[in-house]
Amino acid sequence: MKTSRRTISIILGLGWAASLALPVATLGDGQGELWYGWTVLLLGWLGIFLGQFAWIANFLFAVALLLLVRGRPPLVWGMMIGVLTSLLAAHALSWTTIYQTGGGTAPILAYWSGFYLWVLVTFLGGAALCVASIEEVRHSAPATRAV
């Protein structure tokens, strides 16, 4: 049985939403402060100033899911968005510091399930769009017969 793109999009979207409710990282010095996914989503844009661009993958992930649900992702745009989404999600694995409210940066002491779930579903969302884009070209190409 072939899983539909819509089903894949729903599963990935639910995984992304779950990652917002889960703990993502323990930050700071000493005992640290636990941050959840929704906090990282709201404040993640500050990571851009530290050279951490993974937060941008959230927007591309949403576009990737929309293109998957729509059904016929264009090859060039689908591949570009899919590859960029996956690369930015993988870039989150290099996340090591965060801005503190009092100024300066703090190290990340530990990563939790929300972090790994977010990286996984966002990366897979980009990969799924790439596969769907290539699959769409294969199905729309005229069939050739061997002579």
Protein backbone atom coordinates (compact mmCIF):
# COMPACT_ATOMS: atom_id res chain seq x y z
CA MET A 1 0.00 0.00 0.00
CA LYS A 2 1.41 3.35 -1.05
CA THR A 3 1.40 6.08 1.59
CA SER A 4 -0.02 9.32 0.26
CA ARG A 5 1.86 12.59 0.36
CA ARG A 6 -0.96 14.06 2.42
CA THR A 7 -0.53 11.36 5.08
CA ILE A 8 3.22 11.94 5.16
CA SER A 9 2.63 15.69 5.51
CA ILE A 10 0.20 15.17 8.40
CA ILE A 11 2.61 12.85 10.23
CA LEU A 12 5.52 15.26 9.75
CA GLY A 13 3.39 18.24 10.77
CA LEU A 14 2.23 16.48 13.94
CA GLY A 15 5.83 15.57 14.73
CA TRP A 16 6.86 19.20 14.28
CA ALA A 17 4.01 20.38 16.52
CA ALA A 18 4.98 17.80 19.16
CA SER A 19 8.56 19.06 19.10
CA LEU A 20 7.25 22.48 20.19
CA ALA A 21 5.70 20.97 23.33
CA LEU A 22 8.78 18.94 24.27
CA PRO A 23 11.94 20.08 26.05
CA VAL A 24 14.66 21.07 23.59
CA ALA A 25 17.76 22.08 25.52
CA THR A 26 19.22 22.94 28.88
CA LEU A 27 21.04 26.26 28.64
CA GLY A 28 23.34 28.33 30.76
CA ASP A 29 25.92 27.82 33.42
CA GLY A 30 25.68 25.52 36.42
CA GLN A 31 22.32 23.76 36.67
CA GLY A 32 20.96 25.54 33.60
CA GLU A 33 17.52 26.48 32.38
CA LEU A 34 15.27 24.12 30.44
CA TRP A 35 13.84 25.50 27.19
CA TYR A 36 10.91 24.02 25.29
CA GLY A 37 10.40 24.00 21.54
CA TRP A 38 7.91 26.86 21.50
CA THR A 39 10.48 29.08 23.27
CA VAL A 40 13.14 28.23 20.71
CA LEU A 41 10.65 28.90 17.91
CA LEU A 42 9.85 32.36 19.31
CA LEU A 43 13.46 33.35 20.06
CA GLY A 44 15.31 31.33 17.44
CA TRP A 45 15.68 34.28 15.10
CA LEU A 46 18.38 35.58 17.45
CA GLY A 47 20.51 32.60 16.46
CA ILE A 48 21.06 34.23 13.09
CA PHE A 49 23.37 36.72 14.85
CA LEU A 50 25.42 33.77 16.16
CA GLY A 51 25.70 32.16 12.72
CA GLN A 52 22.95 29.61 13.44
CA PHE A 53 20.44 29.62 10.57
CA ALA A 54 18.43 26.47 11.37
CA TRP A 55 15.47 28.53 12.61
CA ILE A 56 14.76 29.55 8.99
CA ALA A 57 14.01 25.88 8.22
CA ASN A 58 10.66 26.27 10.03
CA PHE A 59 9.34 28.48 7.23
CA LEU A 60 10.76 26.28 4.48
CA PHE A 61 9.33 23.22 6.24
CA ALA A 62 5.86 24.79 6.11
CA VAL A 63 6.29 25.50 2.38
CA ALA A 64 7.52 21.93 1.84
CA LEU A 65 4.43 20.50 3.54
CA LEU A 66 2.16 22.76 1.49
CA LEU A 67 3.81 21.62 -1.74
CA LEU A 68 3.48 17.98 -0.66
CA VAL A 69 -0.20 18.38 0.18
CA ARG A 70 -0.85 20.28 -3.04
CA GLY A 71 0.18 17.18 -4.90
CA ARG A 72 2.34 18.29 -7.82
CA PRO A 73 5.54 19.91 -6.57
CA PRO A 74 7.55 21.55 -9.35
CA LEU A 75 10.95 19.94 -9.89
CA VAL A 76 13.26 22.94 -9.57
CA TRP A 77 11.44 24.73 -6.74
CA GLY A 78 10.67 21.47 -4.99
CA MET A 79 14.29 20.38 -5.07
CA MET A 80 15.60 23.80 -3.99
CA ILE A 81 13.20 24.10 -1.07
CA GLY A 82 13.63 20.45 -0.09
CA VAL A 83 17.43 20.51 -0.11
CA LEU A 84 17.59 23.87 1.68
CA THR A 85 15.12 22.70 4.34
CA SER A 86 17.12 19.54 5.01
CA LEU A 87 20.45 21.38 5.08
CA LEU A 88 19.17 24.01 7.48
CA ALA A 89 17.66 21.31 9.72
CA ALA A 90 21.01 19.51 9.77
CA HIS A 91 22.70 22.83 10.60
CA ALA A 92 20.86 22.73 13.94
CA LEU A 93 23.25 19.96 14.97
CA SER A 94 25.96 22.64 15.26
CA TRP A 95 23.91 24.70 17.76
CA THR A 96 26.11 25.22 20.84
CA THR A 97 25.34 28.68 22.29
CA ILE A 98 22.41 31.00 22.84
CA TYR A 99 22.00 34.66 23.77
CA GLN A 100 21.24 35.36 27.42
CA THR A 101 18.72 37.95 28.54
CA GLY A 102 21.38 39.88 30.48
CA GLY A 103 23.73 40.00 27.51
CA GLY A 104 26.41 37.67 26.24
CA THR A 105 25.98 34.04 25.33
CA ALA A 106 25.44 30.85 27.29
CA PRO A 107 26.44 27.31 26.36
CA ILE A 108 23.96 24.54 25.71
CA LEU A 109 24.47 21.92 28.41
CA ALA A 110 22.16 19.18 27.08
CA TYR A 111 19.81 18.43 24.19
CA TRP A 112 16.43 16.80 24.78
CA SER A 113 13.84 14.90 22.77
CA GLY A 114 12.21 18.00 21.24
CA PHE A 115 15.48 18.99 19.62
CA TYR A 116 16.06 15.60 18.00
CA LEU A 117 12.41 15.28 16.94
CA TRP A 118 12.50 18.74 15.32
CA VAL A 119 15.72 17.96 13.43
CA LEU A 120 14.31 14.62 12.27
CA VAL A 121 10.90 15.76 11.02
CA THR A 122 12.24 18.94 9.43
CA PHE A 123 15.02 17.05 7.65
CA LEU A 124 12.55 14.38 6.48
CA GLY A 125 10.11 17.06 5.29
CA GLY A 126 12.77 18.45 2.99
CA ALA A 127 13.78 14.98 1.83
CA ALA A 128 10.16 14.00 1.19
CA LEU A 129 9.69 17.07 -1.01
CA CYS A 130 12.81 16.18 -3.01
CA VAL A 131 11.55 12.63 -3.54
CA ALA A 132 8.06 13.85 -4.48
CA SER A 133 9.50 16.35 -6.96
CA ILE A 134 11.57 13.68 -8.70
CA GLU A 135 8.65 11.25 -8.60
CA GLU A 136 6.41 13.85 -10.22
CA VAL A 137 8.83 14.25 -13.13
CA ARG A 138 8.99 10.48 -13.60
CA HIS A 139 5.22 10.16 -13.71
CA SER A 140 4.75 13.09 -16.08
CA ALA A 141 7.52 12.02 -18.49
CA PRO A 142 6.22 10.24 -21.59
CA ALA A 143 6.75 6.50 -21.50
CA THR A 144 9.16 5.15 -24.09
CA ARG A 145 8.98 1.69 -25.57
CA ALA A 146 11.92 -0.49 -26.38
CA VAL A 147 12.02 -1.31 -30.07
